[in-house]
Every structure is written in structure tokens, then in C-alpha cells.
Amino acid sequence: MTLLQSFSFTVNTEGTFAEQYPDLRTGFYSQQISIDGTSYTFKIFPNFYMENVEVSILNEAGEAIISNVPFVLAENVNYLIGDIAFNNYKLIFNFKKNQFELYSLD
């Protein structure tokens, strides 16, 4: 696997929902990612019950490529978020670095 892009997203294992996910203070977190010249929007948002968060990846037309994949908090784990693999790419959350990492599967 080859690391293509990484971006920080702070996660804490204790406290209220707002303390666990400080980057969601505005309601959602959005990050542009580019793969092979194509732009995608990576979006993280609280689930309906505010228990955890969900992840979506949208194409340039705003259509979901990956939709509402749960992201559950557990301490000191490198998360594979559900099974986010698309077009030979994989998205992982690295808990130690508090960042998402987008990999190409070579």
C-alpha cells in the first residue's frame, strides 16, 4: 500500500460527544481529496443519535461513492472504517497520529 494523502481529525476516547469529536463543532467535517485527478469530498458527520460518527465520500457531482459508514471509537486501534475500499484505494484512521490516511492498493 502507498500513502497518497493524510489529514488530521482529532478524536478523544473520553468525555462528551463534543469532547470526543472537537472537529465536529460546526456539525460536520469536510475535506477535499484528489485521486488520479478526480476530486472527492470526504465528509464526517454525527449519526442520528449522536452516539458516534459516520463517514461518506462524494464525487464531484455530490453523489455518494461511500455512504454513511459508521466510525466507532475504541482506544489505541488503527481503524479500518467499515470496509472503505473503492477503486483500489483504502481509507484508514490512524489513532496514534489522529489522522485519516488514504492508501493506494498497489
PDB file of N, CA and C in Angstrom:
ATOM      1  N   MET A   1       0.848  -1.186   0.000  1.00  0.00           N
ATOM      2  CA  MET A   1       0.000   0.000   0.000  1.00  0.00           C
ATOM      3  C   MET A   1       0.886   1.239   0.000  1.00  0.00           C
ATOM      4  N   THR A   2       0.455   2.243  -0.731  1.00  0.00           N
ATOM      5  CA  THR A   2       1.180   3.505  -0.822  1.00  0.00           C
ATOM      6  C   THR A   2       0.315   4.619  -0.256  1.00  0.00           C
ATOM      7  N   LEU A   3       0.868   5.392   0.690  1.00  0.00           N
ATOM      8  CA  LEU A   3       0.140   6.516   1.272  1.00  0.00           C
ATOM      9  C   LEU A   3       0.037   7.636   0.245  1.00  0.00           C
ATOM     10  N   LEU A   4      -1.191   8.047  -0.069  1.00  0.00           N
ATOM     11  CA  LEU A   4      -1.417   9.124  -1.035  1.00  0.00           C
ATOM     12  C   LEU A   4      -1.668  10.454  -0.357  1.00  0.00           C
ATOM     13  N   GLN A   5      -2.415  10.418   0.736  1.00  0.00           N
ATOM     14  CA  GLN A   5      -2.818  11.657   1.387  1.00  0.00           C
ATOM     15  C   GLN A   5      -3.188  11.361   2.830  1.00  0.00           C
ATOM     16  N   SER A   6      -2.919  12.311   3.705  1.00  0.00           N
ATOM     17  CA  SER A   6      -3.369  12.193   5.088  1.00  0.00           C
ATOM     18  C   SER A   6      -3.880  13.553   5.537  1.00  0.00           C
ATOM     19  N   PHE A   7      -4.826  13.533   6.466  1.00  0.00           N
ATOM     20  CA  PHE A   7      -5.336  14.779   7.025  1.00  0.00           C
ATOM     21  C   PHE A   7      -5.795  14.524   8.443  1.00  0.00           C
ATOM     22  N   SER A   8      -5.540  15.501   9.308  1.00  0.00           N
ATOM     23  CA  SER A   8      -5.796  15.313  10.730  1.00  0.00           C
ATOM     24  C   SER A   8      -7.280  15.400  11.047  1.00  0.00           C
ATOM     25  N   PHE A   9      -7.669  14.618  12.041  1.00  0.00           N
ATOM     26  CA  PHE A   9      -9.024  14.637  12.581  1.00  0.00           C
ATOM     27  C   PHE A   9      -8.889  14.200  14.029  1.00  0.00           C
ATOM     28  N   THR A  10      -9.150  15.113  14.962  1.00  0.00           N
ATOM     29  CA  THR A  10      -8.915  14.844  16.373  1.00  0.00           C
ATOM     30  C   THR A  10     -10.014  13.984  16.965  1.00  0.00           C
ATOM     31  N   VAL A  11      -9.592  12.913  17.650  1.00  0.00           N
ATOM     32  CA  VAL A  11     -10.514  12.017  18.341  1.00  0.00           C
ATOM     33  C   VAL A  11      -9.989  11.789  19.747  1.00  0.00           C
ATOM     34  N   ASN A  12     -10.862  11.936  20.732  1.00  0.00           N
ATOM     35  CA  ASN A  12     -10.542  11.651  22.126  1.00  0.00           C
ATOM     36  C   ASN A  12     -11.409  10.488  22.587  1.00  0.00           C
ATOM     37  N   THR A  13     -10.891   9.659  23.484  1.00  0.00           N
ATOM     38  CA  THR A  13     -11.637   8.459  23.880  1.00  0.00           C
ATOM     39  C   THR A  13     -12.587   8.693  25.043  1.00  0.00           C
ATOM     40  N   GLU A  14     -12.500   9.834  25.697  1.00  0.00           N
ATOM     41  CA  GLU A  14     -13.369  10.079  26.851  1.00  0.00           C
ATOM     42  C   GLU A  14     -14.055  11.424  26.721  1.00  0.00           C
ATOM     43  N   GLY A  15     -15.099  11.595  27.542  1.00  0.00           N
ATOM     44  CA  GLY A  15     -15.813  12.863  27.581  1.00  0.00           C
ATOM     45  C   GLY A  15     -17.117  12.807  26.823  1.00  0.00           C
ATOM     46  N   THR A  16     -17.733  13.968  26.709  1.00  0.00           N
ATOM     47  CA  THR A  16     -18.991  14.072  25.980  1.00  0.00           C
ATOM     48  C   THR A  16     -18.719  13.907  24.489  1.00  0.00           C
ATOM     49  N   PHE A  17     -19.779  13.816  23.728  1.00  0.00           N
ATOM     50  CA  PHE A  17     -19.625  13.682  22.275  1.00  0.00           C
ATOM     51  C   PHE A  17     -18.794  14.835  21.721  1.00  0.00           C
ATOM     52  N   ALA A  18     -19.068  16.052  22.173  1.00  0.00           N
ATOM     53  CA  ALA A  18     -18.335  17.231  21.684  1.00  0.00           C
ATOM     54  C   ALA A  18     -16.858  17.163  22.066  1.00  0.00           C
ATOM     55  N   GLU A  19     -16.552  16.570  23.217  1.00  0.00           N
ATOM     56  CA  GLU A  19     -15.154  16.433  23.629  1.00  0.00           C
ATOM     57  C   GLU A  19     -14.450  15.319  22.850  1.00  0.00           C
ATOM     58  N   GLN A  20     -15.205  14.288  22.487  1.00  0.00           N
ATOM     59  CA  GLN A  20     -14.617  13.192  21.720  1.00  0.00           C
ATOM     60  C   GLN A  20     -14.313  13.611  20.283  1.00  0.00           C
ATOM     61  N   TYR A  21     -15.178  14.443  19.723  1.00  0.00           N
ATOM     62  CA  TYR A  21     -15.038  14.852  18.315  1.00  0.00           C
ATOM     63  C   TYR A  21     -15.028  16.382  18.201  1.00  0.00           C
ATOM     64  N   PRO A  22     -13.959  17.039  18.665  1.00  0.00           N
ATOM     65  CA  PRO A  22     -13.945  18.510  18.644  1.00  0.00           C
ATOM     66  C   PRO A  22     -14.014  19.109  17.241  1.00  0.00           C
ATOM     67  N   ASP A  23     -13.603  18.356  16.219  1.00  0.00           N
ATOM     68  CA  ASP A  23     -13.642  18.877  14.848  1.00  0.00           C
ATOM     69  C   ASP A  23     -15.051  18.905  14.270  1.00  0.00           C
ATOM     70  N   LEU A  24     -16.038  18.399  15.023  1.00  0.00           N
ATOM     71  CA  LEU A  24     -17.425  18.396  14.539  1.00  0.00           C
ATOM     72  C   LEU A  24     -18.256  19.511  15.172  1.00  0.00           C
ATOM     73  N   ARG A  25     -17.598  20.524  15.707  1.00  0.00           N
ATOM     74  CA  ARG A  25     -18.327  21.618  16.373  1.00  0.00           C
ATOM     75  C   ARG A  25     -19.292  22.330  15.435  1.00  0.00           C
ATOM     76  N   THR A  26     -18.978  22.366  14.158  1.00  0.00           N
ATOM     77  CA  THR A  26     -19.858  23.053  13.202  1.00  0.00           C
ATOM     78  C   THR A  26     -20.928  22.126  12.640  1.00  0.00           C
ATOM     79  N   GLY A  27     -20.974  20.885  13.112  1.00  0.00           N
ATOM     80  CA  GLY A  27     -21.988  19.936  12.650  1.00  0.00           C
ATOM     81  C   GLY A  27     -21.428  18.840  11.777  1.00  0.00           C
ATOM     82  N   PHE A  28     -20.419  19.161  10.964  1.00  0.00           N
ATOM     83  CA  PHE A  28     -19.764  18.131  10.156  1.00  0.00           C
ATOM     84  C   PHE A  28     -18.356  18.597   9.804  1.00  0.00           C
ATOM     85  N   TYR A  29     -17.560  17.665   9.339  1.00  0.00           N
ATOM     86  CA  TYR A  29     -16.188  17.931   8.920  1.00  0.00           C
ATOM     87  C   TYR A  29     -16.084  17.535   7.456  1.00  0.00           C
ATOM     88  N   SER A  30     -15.457  18.369   6.666  1.00  0.00           N
ATOM     89  CA  SER A  30     -15.352  18.103   5.237  1.00  0.00           C
ATOM     90  C   SER A  30     -13.912  18.328   4.788  1.00  0.00           C
ATOM     91  N   GLN A  31     -13.429  17.461   3.911  1.00  0.00           N
ATOM     92  CA  GLN A  31     -12.066  17.565   3.401  1.00  0.00           C
ATOM     93  C   GLN A  31     -12.072  17.166   1.931  1.00  0.00           C
ATOM     94  N   GLN A  32     -11.436  17.965   1.090  1.00  0.00           N
ATOM     95  CA  GLN A  32     -11.310  17.609  -0.325  1.00  0.00           C
ATOM     96  C   GLN A  32     -10.150  16.633  -0.484  1.00  0.00           C
ATOM     97  N   ILE A  33     -10.365  15.565  -1.239  1.00  0.00           N
ATOM     98  CA  ILE A  33      -9.296  14.641  -1.569  1.00  0.00           C
ATOM     99  C   ILE A  33      -9.258  14.495  -3.087  1.00  0.00           C
ATOM    100  N   SER A  34      -8.078  14.255  -3.610  1.00  0.00           N
ATOM    101  CA  SER A  34      -7.919  14.116  -5.053  1.00  0.00           C
ATOM    102  C   SER A  34      -7.276  12.771  -5.347  1.00  0.00           C
ATOM    103  N   ILE A  35      -7.904  12.013  -6.241  1.00  0.00           N
ATOM    104  CA  ILE A  35      -7.392  10.702  -6.622  1.00  0.00           C
ATOM    105  C   ILE A  35      -7.338  10.645  -8.139  1.00  0.00           C
ATOM    106  N   ASP A  36      -6.148  10.438  -8.667  1.00  0.00           N
ATOM    107  CA  ASP A  36      -5.955  10.347 -10.120  1.00  0.00           C
ATOM    108  C   ASP A  36      -6.614  11.508 -10.863  1.00  0.00           C
ATOM    109  N   GLY A  37      -6.480  12.709 -10.328  1.00  0.00           N
ATOM    110  CA  GLY A  37      -7.024  13.891 -10.975  1.00  0.00           C
ATOM    111  C   GLY A  37      -8.513  14.109 -10.766  1.00  0.00           C
ATOM    112  N   THR A  38      -9.162  13.220 -10.031  1.00  0.00           N
ATOM    113  CA  THR A  38     -10.589  13.369  -9.744  1.00  0.00           C
ATOM    114  C   THR A  38     -10.759  13.855  -8.314  1.00  0.00           C
ATOM    115  N   SER A  39     -11.611  14.845  -8.129  1.00  0.00           N
ATOM    116  CA  SER A  39     -11.839  15.424  -6.811  1.00  0.00           C
ATOM    117  C   SER A  39     -13.006  14.732  -6.112  1.00  0.00           C
ATOM    118  N   TYR A  40     -12.814  14.432  -4.838  1.00  0.00           N
ATOM    119  CA  TYR A  40     -13.855  13.837  -3.999  1.00  0.00           C
ATOM    120  C   TYR A  40     -13.986  14.668  -2.735  1.00  0.00           C
ATOM    121  N   THR A  41     -15.148  14.608  -2.114  1.00  0.00           N
ATOM    122  CA  THR A  41     -15.347  15.244  -0.816  1.00  0.00           C
ATOM    123  C   THR A  41     -15.498  14.155   0.227  1.00  0.00           C
ATOM    124  N   PHE A  42     -14.636  14.208   1.228  1.00  0.00           N
ATOM    125  CA  PHE A  42     -14.675  13.291   2.353  1.00  0.00           C
ATOM    126  C   PHE A  42     -15.445  14.007   3.456  1.00  0.00           C
ATOM    127  N   LYS A  43     -16.495  13.397   3.966  1.00  0.00           N
ATOM    128  CA  LYS A  43     -17.361  14.076   4.926  1.00  0.00           C
ATOM    129  C   LYS A  43     -17.585  13.190   6.150  1.00  0.00           C
ATOM    130  N   ILE A  44     -17.428  13.772   7.338  1.00  0.00           N
ATOM    131  CA  ILE A  44     -17.686  13.083   8.601  1.00  0.00           C
ATOM    132  C   ILE A  44     -18.789  13.855   9.307  1.00  0.00           C
ATOM    133  N   PHE A  45     -19.774  13.148   9.835  1.00  0.00           N
ATOM    134  CA  PHE A  45     -20.894  13.820  10.493  1.00  0.00           C
ATOM    135  C   PHE A  45     -21.452  12.931  11.598  1.00  0.00           C
ATOM    136  N   PRO A  46     -22.103  13.518  12.623  1.00  0.00           N
ATOM    137  CA  PRO A  46     -22.690  12.717  13.704  1.00  0.00           C
ATOM    138  C   PRO A  46     -23.834  11.866  13.177  1.00  0.00           C
ATOM    139  N   ASN A  47     -23.968  10.647  13.743  1.00  0.00           N
ATOM    140  CA  ASN A  47     -25.137   9.862  13.360  1.00  0.00           C
ATOM    141  C   ASN A  47     -26.372  10.433  14.058  1.00  0.00           C
ATOM    142  N   PHE A  48     -27.527   9.925  13.727  1.00  0.00           N
ATOM    143  CA  PHE A  48     -28.802  10.482  14.191  1.00  0.00           C
ATOM    144  C   PHE A  48     -28.887  10.579  15.715  1.00  0.00           C
ATOM    145  N   TYR A  49     -28.360   9.572  16.408  1.00  0.00           N
ATOM    146  CA  TYR A  49     -28.472   9.534  17.871  1.00  0.00           C
ATOM    147  C   TYR A  49     -27.281  10.175  18.574  1.00  0.00           C
ATOM    148  N   MET A  50     -26.344  10.759  17.820  1.00  0.00           N
ATOM    149  CA  MET A  50     -25.141  11.390  18.377  1.00  0.00           C
ATOM    150  C   MET A  50     -24.339  10.391  19.217  1.00  0.00           C
ATOM    151  N   GLU A  51     -24.353   9.110  18.825  1.00  0.00           N
ATOM    152  CA  GLU A  51     -23.588   8.090  19.545  1.00  0.00           C
ATOM    153  C   GLU A  51     -22.179   7.971  18.980  1.00  0.00           C
ATOM    154  N   ASN A  52     -22.074   8.090  17.696  1.00  0.00           N
ATOM    155  CA  ASN A  52     -20.780   8.042  17.029  1.00  0.00           C
ATOM    156  C   ASN A  52     -20.892   8.852  15.743  1.00  0.00           C
ATOM    157  N   VAL A  53     -19.949   8.683  14.857  1.00  0.00           N
ATOM    158  CA  VAL A  53     -19.988   9.454  13.618  1.00  0.00           C
ATOM    159  C   VAL A  53     -20.027   8.510  12.425  1.00  0.00           C
ATOM    160  N   GLU A  54     -20.388   9.062  11.280  1.00  0.00           N
ATOM    161  CA  GLU A  54     -20.442   8.300  10.047  1.00  0.00           C
ATOM    162  C   GLU A  54     -19.622   9.020   8.989  1.00  0.00           C
ATOM    163  N   VAL A  55     -19.149   8.254   8.038  1.00  0.00           N
ATOM    164  CA  VAL A  55     -18.259   8.760   7.007  1.00  0.00           C
ATOM    165  C   VAL A  55     -18.890   8.557   5.636  1.00  0.00           C
ATOM    166  N   SER A  56     -18.794   9.561   4.783  1.00  0.00           N
ATOM    167  CA  SER A  56     -19.226   9.437   3.387  1.00  0.00           C
ATOM    168  C   SER A  56     -18.144  10.010   2.481  1.00  0.00           C
ATOM    169  N   ILE A  57     -18.073   9.491   1.274  1.00  0.00           N
ATOM    170  CA  ILE A  57     -17.205  10.051   0.241  1.00  0.00           C
ATOM    171  C   ILE A  57     -18.087  10.352  -0.962  1.00  0.00           C
ATOM    172  N   LEU A  58     -18.038  11.602  -1.413  1.00  0.00           N
ATOM    173  CA  LEU A  58     -18.890  12.062  -2.515  1.00  0.00           C
ATOM    174  C   LEU A  58     -18.032  12.392  -3.733  1.00  0.00           C
ATOM    175  N   ASN A  59     -18.575  12.146  -4.915  1.00  0.00           N
ATOM    176  CA  ASN A  59     -17.854  12.528  -6.131  1.00  0.00           C
ATOM    177  C   ASN A  59     -18.121  14.003  -6.443  1.00  0.00           C
ATOM    178  N   GLU A  60     -17.575  14.493  -7.551  1.00  0.00           N
ATOM    179  CA  GLU A  60     -17.704  15.917  -7.897  1.00  0.00           C
ATOM    180  C   GLU A  60     -19.147  16.353  -8.083  1.00  0.00           C
ATOM    181  N   ALA A  61     -20.023  15.430  -8.469  1.00  0.00           N
ATOM    182  CA  ALA A  61     -21.444  15.743  -8.664  1.00  0.00           C
ATOM    183  C   ALA A  61     -22.231  15.674  -7.356  1.00  0.00           C
ATOM    184  N   GLY A  62     -21.534  15.373  -6.247  1.00  0.00           N
ATOM    185  CA  GLY A  62     -22.216  15.280  -4.958  1.00  0.00           C
ATOM    186  C   GLY A  62     -22.898  13.943  -4.722  1.00  0.00           C
ATOM    187  N   GLU A  63     -22.615  12.962  -5.585  1.00  0.00           N
ATOM    188  CA  GLU A  63     -23.203  11.632  -5.433  1.00  0.00           C
ATOM    189  C   GLU A  63     -22.319  10.789  -4.519  1.00  0.00           C
ATOM    190  N   ALA A  64     -22.946  10.004  -3.647  1.00  0.00           N
ATOM    191  CA  ALA A  64     -22.204   9.198  -2.683  1.00  0.00           C
ATOM    192  C   ALA A  64     -21.511   8.024  -3.367  1.00  0.00           C
ATOM    193  N   ILE A  65     -20.200   7.944  -3.175  1.00  0.00           N
ATOM    194  CA  ILE A  65     -19.418   6.780  -3.593  1.00  0.00           C
ATOM    195  C   ILE A  65     -19.413   5.786  -2.433  1.00  0.00           C
ATOM    196  N   ILE A  66     -19.182   6.298  -1.243  1.00  0.00           N
ATOM    197  CA  ILE A  66     -19.258   5.554   0.018  1.00  0.00           C
ATOM    198  C   ILE A  66     -20.245   6.332   0.866  1.00  0.00           C
ATOM    199  N   SER A  67     -21.207   5.658   1.469  1.00  0.00           N
ATOM    200  CA  SER A  67     -22.260   6.389   2.165  1.00  0.00           C
ATOM    201  C   SER A  67     -22.482   5.888   3.585  1.00  0.00           C
ATOM    202  N   ASN A  68     -22.436   6.808   4.535  1.00  0.00           N
ATOM    203  CA  ASN A  68     -22.837   6.580   5.925  1.00  0.00           C
ATOM    204  C   ASN A  68     -22.205   5.347   6.560  1.00  0.00           C
ATOM    205  N   VAL A  69     -20.894   5.230   6.460  1.00  0.00           N
ATOM    206  CA  VAL A  69     -20.188   4.123   7.097  1.00  0.00           C
ATOM    207  C   VAL A  69     -19.894   4.505   8.543  1.00  0.00           C
ATOM    208  N   PRO A  70     -20.328   3.701   9.525  1.00  0.00           N
ATOM    209  CA  PRO A  70     -20.091   4.045  10.935  1.00  0.00           C
ATOM    210  C   PRO A  70     -18.605   4.033  11.281  1.00  0.00           C
ATOM    211  N   PHE A  71     -18.233   4.953  12.134  1.00  0.00           N
ATOM    212  CA  PHE A  71     -16.874   5.072  12.642  1.00  0.00           C
ATOM    213  C   PHE A  71     -16.996   5.025  14.157  1.00  0.00           C
ATOM    214  N   VAL A  72     -16.642   3.902  14.765  1.00  0.00           N
ATOM    215  CA  VAL A  72     -16.854   3.687  16.194  1.00  0.00           C
ATOM    216  C   VAL A  72     -15.533   3.863  16.924  1.00  0.00           C
ATOM    217  N   LEU A  73     -15.585   4.522  18.066  1.00  0.00           N
ATOM    218  CA  LEU A  73     -14.398   4.862  18.830  1.00  0.00           C
ATOM    219  C   LEU A  73     -13.956   3.699  19.711  1.00  0.00           C
ATOM    220  N   ALA A  74     -12.693   3.343  19.650  1.00  0.00           N
ATOM    221  CA  ALA A  74     -12.079   2.376  20.557  1.00  0.00           C
ATOM    222  C   ALA A  74     -10.620   2.787  20.700  1.00  0.00           C
ATOM    223  N   GLU A  75     -10.093   2.676  21.884  1.00  0.00           N
ATOM    224  CA  GLU A  75      -8.776   3.240  22.160  1.00  0.00           C
ATOM    225  C   GLU A  75      -7.638   2.447  21.517  1.00  0.00           C
ATOM    226  N   ASN A  76      -6.651   3.187  21.029  1.00  0.00           N
ATOM    227  CA  ASN A  76      -5.393   2.639  20.516  1.00  0.00           C
ATOM    228  C   ASN A  76      -5.565   1.589  19.429  1.00  0.00           C
ATOM    229  N   VAL A  77      -6.412   1.876  18.488  1.00  0.00           N
ATOM    230  CA  VAL A  77      -6.651   0.968  17.373  1.00  0.00           C
ATOM    231  C   VAL A  77      -6.437   1.748  16.082  1.00  0.00           C
ATOM    232  N   ASN A  78      -5.816   1.125  15.114  1.00  0.00           N
ATOM    233  CA  ASN A  78      -5.818   1.693  13.767  1.00  0.00           C
ATOM    234  C   ASN A  78      -7.084   1.217  13.102  1.00  0.00           C
ATOM    235  N   TYR A  79      -7.996   2.124  12.864  1.00  0.00           N
ATOM    236  CA  TYR A  79      -9.314   1.755  12.366  1.00  0.00           C
ATOM    237  C   TYR A  79      -9.281   1.481  10.879  1.00  0.00           C
ATOM    238  N   LEU A  80      -9.918   0.415  10.497  1.00  0.00           N
ATOM    239  CA  LEU A  80     -10.367   0.279   9.123  1.00  0.00           C
ATOM    240  C   LEU A  80     -11.838   0.618   9.219  1.00  0.00           C
ATOM    241  N   ILE A  81     -12.247   1.718   8.649  1.00  0.00           N
ATOM    242  CA  ILE A  81     -13.598   2.223   8.862  1.00  0.00           C
ATOM    243  C   ILE A  81     -14.558   1.402   8.035  1.00  0.00           C
ATOM    244  N   GLY A  82     -15.282   0.533   8.719  1.00  0.00           N
ATOM    245  CA  GLY A  82     -16.134  -0.394   7.990  1.00  0.00           C
ATOM    246  C   GLY A  82     -15.236  -1.124   7.004  1.00  0.00           C
ATOM    247  N   ASP A  83     -15.502  -1.002   5.756  1.00  0.00           N
ATOM    248  CA  ASP A  83     -14.650  -1.555   4.716  1.00  0.00           C
ATOM    249  C   ASP A  83     -14.537  -0.511   3.620  1.00  0.00           C
ATOM    250  N   ILE A  84     -13.960   0.626   3.955  1.00  0.00           N
ATOM    251  CA  ILE A  84     -13.866   1.685   2.957  1.00  0.00           C
ATOM    252  C   ILE A  84     -12.735   1.349   1.996  1.00  0.00           C
ATOM    253  N   ALA A  85     -13.115   0.711   0.938  1.00  0.00           N
ATOM    254  CA  ALA A  85     -12.195   0.404  -0.142  1.00  0.00           C
ATOM    255  C   ALA A  85     -12.968   0.683  -1.423  1.00  0.00           C
ATOM    256  N   PHE A  86     -12.407   1.488  -2.297  1.00  0.00           N
ATOM    257  CA  PHE A  86     -13.084   1.815  -3.548  1.00  0.00           C
ATOM    258  C   PHE A  86     -12.037   2.131  -4.600  1.00  0.00           C
ATOM    259  N   ASN A  87     -12.280   1.701  -5.804  1.00  0.00           N
ATOM    260  CA  ASN A  87     -11.371   1.975  -6.932  1.00  0.00           C
ATOM    261  C   ASN A  87      -9.913   1.686  -6.583  1.00  0.00           C
ATOM    262  N   ASN A  88      -9.664   0.607  -5.855  1.00  0.00           N
ATOM    263  CA  ASN A  88      -8.304   0.215  -5.482  1.00  0.00           C
ATOM    264  C   ASN A  88      -7.662   1.149  -4.449  1.00  0.00           C
ATOM    265  N   TYR A  89      -8.480   1.800  -3.630  1.00  0.00           N
ATOM    266  CA  TYR A  89      -7.996   2.676  -2.573  1.00  0.00           C
ATOM    267  C   TYR A  89      -8.592   2.233  -1.249  1.00  0.00           C
ATOM    268  N   LYS A  90      -7.887   2.558  -0.161  1.00  0.00           N
ATOM    269  CA  LYS A  90      -8.366   2.205   1.165  1.00  0.00           C
ATOM    270  C   LYS A  90      -8.175   3.399   2.088  1.00  0.00           C
ATOM    271  N   LEU A  91      -9.180   3.649   2.929  1.00  0.00           N
ATOM    272  CA  LEU A  91      -9.135   4.757   3.877  1.00  0.00           C
ATOM    273  C   LEU A  91      -9.070   4.196   5.286  1.00  0.00           C
ATOM    274  N   ILE A  92      -8.071   4.633   6.039  1.00  0.00           N
ATOM    275  CA  ILE A  92      -7.821   4.131   7.389  1.00  0.00           C
ATOM    276  C   ILE A  92      -7.695   5.320   8.330  1.00  0.00           C
ATOM    277  N   PHE A  93      -8.160   5.156   9.577  1.00  0.00           N
ATOM    278  CA  PHE A  93      -7.903   6.167  10.596  1.00  0.00           C
ATOM    279  C   PHE A  93      -6.772   5.672  11.477  1.00  0.00           C
ATOM    280  N   ASN A  94      -5.715   6.450  11.589  1.00  0.00           N
ATOM    281  CA  ASN A  94      -4.569   6.125  12.427  1.00  0.00           C
ATOM    282  C   ASN A  94      -4.751   6.832  13.762  1.00  0.00           C
ATOM    283  N   PHE A  95      -5.105   6.054  14.788  1.00  0.00           N
ATOM    284  CA  PHE A  95      -5.422   6.635  16.092  1.00  0.00           C
ATOM    285  C   PHE A  95      -4.205   7.295  16.725  1.00  0.00           C
ATOM    286  N   LYS A  96      -3.029   6.704  16.568  1.00  0.00           N
ATOM    287  CA  LYS A  96      -1.825   7.250  17.200  1.00  0.00           C
ATOM    288  C   LYS A  96      -1.477   8.629  16.659  1.00  0.00           C
ATOM    289  N   LYS A  97      -1.736   8.849  15.371  1.00  0.00           N
ATOM    290  CA  LYS A  97      -1.431  10.139  14.748  1.00  0.00           C
ATOM    291  C   LYS A  97      -2.648  11.047  14.650  1.00  0.00           C
ATOM    292  N   ASN A  98      -3.837  10.549  15.044  1.00  0.00           N
ATOM    293  CA  ASN A  98      -5.085  11.311  14.922  1.00  0.00           C
ATOM    294  C   ASN A  98      -5.249  11.853  13.507  1.00  0.00           C
ATOM    295  N   GLN A  99      -5.172  10.941  12.541  1.00  0.00           N
ATOM    296  CA  GLN A  99      -5.335  11.365  11.158  1.00  0.00           C
ATOM    297  C   GLN A  99      -5.926  10.248  10.308  1.00  0.00           C
ATOM    298  N   PHE A 100      -6.627  10.672   9.261  1.00  0.00           N
ATOM    299  CA  PHE A 100      -7.084   9.740   8.246  1.00  0.00           C
ATOM    300  C   PHE A 100      -5.976   9.590   7.223  1.00  0.00           C
ATOM    301  N   GLU A 101      -5.833   8.385   6.691  1.00  0.00           N
ATOM    302  CA  GLU A 101      -4.808   8.110   5.701  1.00  0.00           C
ATOM    303  C   GLU A 101      -5.451   7.398   4.513  1.00  0.00           C
ATOM    304  N   LEU A 102      -5.218   7.940   3.334  1.00  0.00           N
ATOM    305  CA  LEU A 102      -5.738   7.358   2.101  1.00  0.00           C
ATOM    306  C   LEU A 102      -4.601   6.624   1.400  1.00  0.00           C
ATOM    307  N   TYR A 103      -4.802   5.331   1.165  1.00  0.00           N
ATOM    308  CA  TYR A 103      -3.781   4.486   0.553  1.00  0.00           C
ATOM    309  C   TYR A 103      -4.229   3.980  -0.806  1.00  0.00           C
ATOM    310  N   SER A 104      -3.264   3.808  -1.680  1.00  0.00           N
ATOM    311  CA  SER A 104      -3.475   3.115  -2.947  1.00  0.00           C
ATOM    312  C   SER A 104      -3.052   1.670  -2.729  1.00  0.00           C
ATOM    313  N   LEU A 105      -3.878   0.737  -3.184  1.00  0.00           N
ATOM    314  CA  LEU A 105      -3.531  -0.679  -3.073  1.00  0.00           C
ATOM    315  C   LEU A 105      -2.736  -1.060  -4.309  1.00  0.00           C
ATOM    316  N   ASP A 106      -1.445  -1.189  -4.161  1.00  0.00           N
ATOM    317  CA  ASP A 106      -0.548  -1.460  -5.306  1.00  0.00           C
ATOM    318  C   ASP A 106      -0.597  -2.908  -5.721  1.00  0.00           C
TER     319      ASP A 106
END
